Amino acid sequence: MITPVPCHPDTKKIRGYNQSFLLAELLSNHFKIPLENDIIQVVCAKTSQTKLPVAKRQKNVEGVFKVKKEVHNKKIILVDDILTTGATASSCSRELKAKGAKTVTAVTVAKTIWQL
């Protein structure tokens, strides 16, 4: 199954859409893989990752995501828009694996290049 990285409801309300969902929907339609939009939820607001230095990004997403549907033994494609440090994808993947997902493969449209 395909699932997008969720955004906070307030963010979606302001923006009007979740870009990760739109990407997941395109992939689902193209590859004929079922899309599940409500597997992961954001349980608390967080500071935008774009405003944080690399060192603080992982801590910023700890405890933010919760798996709310059955994923035991499922193969999941997790879709996000941009991979910067991998903190968001890692946090979602850890939650999915903790709930029994067989595999989690993260897919993004773009990856930033960091100069350390």
Protein backbone atom coordinates (compact mmCIF):
# COMPACT_ATOMS: atom_id res chain seq x y z
CA MET A 1 0.00 0.00 0.00
CA ILE A 2 0.98 3.63 -0.42
CA THR A 3 0.58 6.19 2.35
CA PRO A 4 1.62 9.84 2.48
CA VAL A 5 3.42 11.58 5.31
CA PRO A 6 0.60 13.52 6.95
CA CYS A 7 0.63 17.20 7.73
CA HIS A 8 -0.96 18.80 10.78
CA PRO A 9 -4.65 19.62 10.24
CA ASP A 10 -3.96 23.33 10.82
CA THR A 11 -1.25 23.27 8.16
CA LYS A 12 -3.57 21.54 5.71
CA LYS A 13 -6.31 24.04 6.44
CA ILE A 14 -3.98 26.99 5.77
CA ARG A 15 -2.32 25.45 2.70
CA GLY A 16 -5.46 23.78 1.37
CA TYR A 17 -3.73 20.50 0.55
CA ASN A 18 -1.07 18.01 1.63
CA GLN A 19 1.56 17.84 -1.10
CA SER A 20 2.66 14.37 0.03
CA PHE A 21 -0.90 13.12 -0.43
CA LEU A 22 -1.06 14.54 -3.96
CA LEU A 23 2.18 12.76 -4.84
CA ALA A 24 1.00 9.51 -3.23
CA GLU A 25 -2.25 9.72 -5.18
CA LEU A 26 -0.36 10.06 -8.48
CA LEU A 27 1.84 7.06 -7.63
CA SER A 28 -1.16 5.00 -6.55
CA ASN A 29 -3.02 5.70 -9.78
CA HIS A 30 0.00 5.10 -12.00
CA PHE A 31 1.17 1.86 -10.40
CA LYS A 32 -2.29 0.62 -9.34
CA ILE A 33 -1.21 0.27 -5.71
CA PRO A 34 -3.88 0.94 -3.07
CA LEU A 35 -3.63 4.35 -1.37
CA GLU A 36 -4.35 4.56 2.36
CA ASN A 37 -4.47 8.19 3.45
CA ASP A 38 -5.40 7.70 7.08
CA ILE A 39 -2.78 5.29 8.42
CA ILE A 40 -0.56 7.88 10.11
CA GLN A 41 -1.76 10.93 11.96
CA VAL A 42 -0.03 13.95 13.41
CA VAL A 43 -0.75 13.93 17.14
CA CYS A 44 0.82 17.28 18.02
CA ALA A 45 1.97 20.42 16.26
CA LYS A 46 5.65 20.86 15.52
CA THR A 47 7.87 23.63 14.28
CA SER A 48 8.36 23.50 10.51
CA GLN A 49 11.44 21.43 9.69
CA THR A 50 12.46 24.10 7.17
CA LYS A 51 13.14 26.54 10.01
CA LEU A 52 15.43 24.23 11.99
CA PRO A 53 19.11 23.38 11.76
CA VAL A 54 20.02 19.78 10.92
CA ALA A 55 20.88 18.90 14.52
CA LYS A 56 17.38 19.74 15.79
CA ARG A 57 15.25 18.15 13.09
CA GLN A 58 15.16 14.60 14.50
CA LYS A 59 14.15 15.80 17.96
CA ASN A 60 11.45 18.01 16.40
CA VAL A 61 9.57 15.01 14.97
CA GLU A 62 9.89 12.65 17.94
CA GLY A 63 6.44 11.62 19.13
CA VAL A 64 4.67 13.64 16.44
CA PHE A 65 3.33 10.73 14.35
CA LYS A 66 1.03 7.89 15.40
CA VAL A 67 -0.11 4.88 13.39
CA LYS A 68 -3.86 4.58 13.79
CA LYS A 69 -4.71 1.65 11.48
CA GLU A 70 -3.65 -1.98 11.25
CA VAL A 71 -0.39 -2.39 9.33
CA HIS A 72 0.81 -5.76 10.63
CA ASN A 73 2.77 -7.61 7.94
CA LYS A 74 2.03 -4.92 5.31
CA LYS A 75 4.49 -3.64 2.72
CA ILE A 76 4.23 0.14 2.82
CA ILE A 77 5.48 2.83 0.47
CA LEU A 78 5.77 6.05 2.47
CA VAL A 79 5.58 9.16 0.29
CA ASP A 80 7.05 12.52 1.26
CA ASP A 81 7.74 15.57 -0.87
CA ILE A 82 11.37 16.37 -0.02
CA LEU A 83 14.07 14.48 1.84
CA THR A 84 16.43 16.78 3.69
CA THR A 85 17.83 15.00 6.74
CA GLY A 86 15.42 12.05 6.65
CA ALA A 87 14.05 12.87 10.10
CA THR A 88 10.37 12.89 9.10
CA ALA A 89 10.57 9.72 7.00
CA SER A 90 12.57 7.99 9.74
CA SER A 91 10.08 8.95 12.42
CA CYS A 92 7.10 7.73 10.37
CA SER A 93 8.95 4.54 9.39
CA ARG A 94 9.84 3.75 13.01
CA GLU A 95 6.18 4.09 14.01
CA LEU A 96 5.01 1.87 11.14
CA LYS A 97 7.62 -0.80 11.92
CA ALA A 98 6.74 -0.65 15.63
CA LYS A 99 3.14 -1.45 14.66
CA GLY A 100 4.25 -4.48 12.67
CA ALA A 101 4.75 -3.25 9.10
CA LYS A 102 6.74 -5.86 7.16
CA THR A 103 8.64 -3.27 5.11
CA VAL A 104 8.61 0.51 4.77
CA THR A 105 10.10 2.11 1.68
CA ALA A 106 10.35 5.89 1.66
CA VAL A 107 9.87 7.65 -1.66
CA THR A 108 10.43 11.36 -2.25
CA VAL A 109 10.37 13.66 -5.25
CA ALA A 110 13.50 15.54 -4.32
CA LYS A 111 16.47 15.43 -2.00
CA THR A 112 18.27 18.50 -0.77
CA ILE A 113 22.03 18.70 -0.72
CA TRP A 114 23.47 19.81 2.60
CA GLN A 115 26.82 21.44 2.90
CA LEU A 116 28.12 20.54 6.33
